[in-house]
C-alpha atoms as a PDB file:
ATOM      1  CA  MET A   1      31.779  33.009  10.951  1.00  0.00           C
ATOM      2  CA  PHE A   2      30.236  31.593  14.083  1.00  0.00           C
ATOM      3  CA  PRO A   3      28.466  29.552  15.070  1.00  0.00           C
ATOM      4  CA  ASN A   4      28.837  26.801  12.557  1.00  0.00           C
ATOM      5  CA  PRO A   5      26.436  25.106  12.436  1.00  0.00           C
ATOM      6  CA  ALA A   6      23.978  27.819  13.178  1.00  0.00           C
ATOM      7  CA  SER A   7      20.384  27.720  14.298  1.00  0.00           C
ATOM      8  CA  ASP A   8      19.352  31.304  14.392  1.00  0.00           C
ATOM      9  CA  ILE A   9      21.955  34.110  14.164  1.00  0.00           C
ATOM     10  CA  ILE A  10      25.005  33.931  12.011  1.00  0.00           C
ATOM     11  CA  LYS A  11      27.846  36.451  13.158  1.00  0.00           C
ATOM     12  CA  VAL A  12      30.904  37.469  11.035  1.00  0.00           C
ATOM     13  CA  SER A  13      33.957  38.696  12.996  1.00  0.00           C
ATOM     14  CA  GLY A  14      36.511  40.874  11.597  1.00  0.00           C
ATOM     15  CA  ASP A  15      36.905  44.592  10.554  1.00  0.00           C
ATOM     16  CA  GLY A  16      35.419  46.255   7.601  1.00  0.00           C
ATOM     17  CA  VAL A  17      32.401  43.799   6.973  1.00  0.00           C
ATOM     18  CA  LYS A  18      29.948  45.518   4.620  1.00  0.00           C
ATOM     19  CA  SER A  19      27.517  42.901   3.947  1.00  0.00           C
ATOM     20  CA  ILE A  20      26.567  39.238   3.794  1.00  0.00           C
ATOM     21  CA  GLU A  21      24.689  37.264   1.258  1.00  0.00           C
ATOM     22  CA  LEU A  22      23.404  33.675   1.751  1.00  0.00           C
ATOM     23  CA  TYR A  23      23.098  31.223  -0.990  1.00  0.00           C
ATOM     24  CA  SER A  24      21.429  27.744  -1.234  1.00  0.00           C
ATOM     25  CA  ALA A  25      23.494  24.796  -2.243  1.00  0.00           C
ATOM     26  CA  SER A  26      22.073  25.165  -5.749  1.00  0.00           C
ATOM     27  CA  GLY A  27      23.467  28.821  -5.904  1.00  0.00           C
ATOM     28  CA  ALA A  28      20.173  30.735  -5.438  1.00  0.00           C
ATOM     29  CA  LYS A  29      20.381  33.853  -3.249  1.00  0.00           C
ATOM     30  CA  VAL A  30      18.384  33.334  -0.336  1.00  0.00           C
ATOM     31  CA  ARG A  31      18.973  36.380   1.801  1.00  0.00           C
ATOM     32  CA  ARG A  32      21.146  39.608   2.039  1.00  0.00           C
ATOM     33  CA  ALA A  33      21.985  41.584   5.285  1.00  0.00           C
ATOM     34  CA  GLU A  34      24.081  44.839   5.853  1.00  0.00           C
ATOM     35  CA  GLY A  35      26.651  44.527   8.531  1.00  0.00           C
ATOM     36  CA  ASN A  36      28.005  41.643  10.287  1.00  0.00           C
ATOM     37  CA  THR A  37      24.964  39.553  11.496  1.00  0.00           C
ATOM     38  CA  MET A  38      22.127  37.674   9.735  1.00  0.00           C
ATOM     39  CA  ASN A  39      19.058  35.975  11.061  1.00  0.00           C
ATOM     40  CA  VAL A  40      18.651  32.359   9.685  1.00  0.00           C
ATOM     41  CA  ALA A  41      16.086  31.103  12.197  1.00  0.00           C
ATOM     42  CA  ASP A  42      13.306  30.713   9.558  1.00  0.00           C
ATOM     43  CA  LEU A  43      15.451  28.855   7.064  1.00  0.00           C
ATOM     44  CA  PRO A  44      15.308  25.053   6.461  1.00  0.00           C
ATOM     45  CA  SER A  45      18.415  22.878   7.834  1.00  0.00           C
ATOM     46  CA  GLY A  46      20.900  22.246   5.374  1.00  0.00           C
ATOM     47  CA  TYR A  47      24.168  23.553   3.691  1.00  0.00           C
ATOM     48  CA  TYR A  48      24.483  27.131   2.569  1.00  0.00           C
ATOM     49  CA  LEU A  49      27.245  29.294   1.096  1.00  0.00           C
ATOM     50  CA  ILE A  50      27.642  32.521   2.853  1.00  0.00           C
ATOM     51  CA  SER A  51      29.633  35.285   0.855  1.00  0.00           C
ATOM     52  CA  VAL A  52      30.985  38.189   2.950  1.00  0.00           C
ATOM     53  CA  ALA A  53      31.907  41.611   1.345  1.00  0.00           C
ATOM     54  CA  THR A  54      34.506  43.451   3.209  1.00  0.00           C
ATOM     55  CA  GLN A  55      36.707  46.389   2.317  1.00  0.00           C
ATOM     56  CA  ASN A  56      39.453  44.138   0.823  1.00  0.00           C
ATOM     57  CA  GLY A  57      37.100  42.007  -1.415  1.00  0.00           C
ATOM     58  CA  THR A  58      34.676  39.110  -0.931  1.00  0.00           C
ATOM     59  CA  VAL A  59      35.090  35.771   0.773  1.00  0.00           C
ATOM     60  CA  THR A  60      32.826  32.775   0.473  1.00  0.00           C
ATOM     61  CA  HIS A  61      32.589  29.898   2.981  1.00  0.00           C
ATOM     62  CA  ARG A  62      30.241  26.929   3.550  1.00  0.00           C
ATOM     63  CA  ILE A  63      27.911  27.144   6.571  1.00  0.00           C
ATOM     64  CA  ILE A  64      25.551  24.580   7.990  1.00  0.00           C
ATOM     65  CA  LYS A  65      21.968  25.595   9.281  1.00  0.00           C
ATOM     66  CA  LYS A  66      20.754  23.087  11.860  1.00  0.00           C
END
C-alpha cells in the first residue's frame, strides 16, 4: 500500500486485488472500494486499518491519513 502516510489516494500493488475496506481506529467501517485504489481525500487525519481482499485471502495493515 502506498503512499503511507496518504493524503488523497491509496493504491494497493499486487495481483488479484478484489476490494479494499477502510476501518477507523475504533473498528467502524468507513469506506469500501472495488479494485486497487481508494480516495481518502475527504477523511479526517489519523490512523486507519485497511483490509485488502485478494484471490488468496484477506490482509489487514495500518495506514496513516495525513
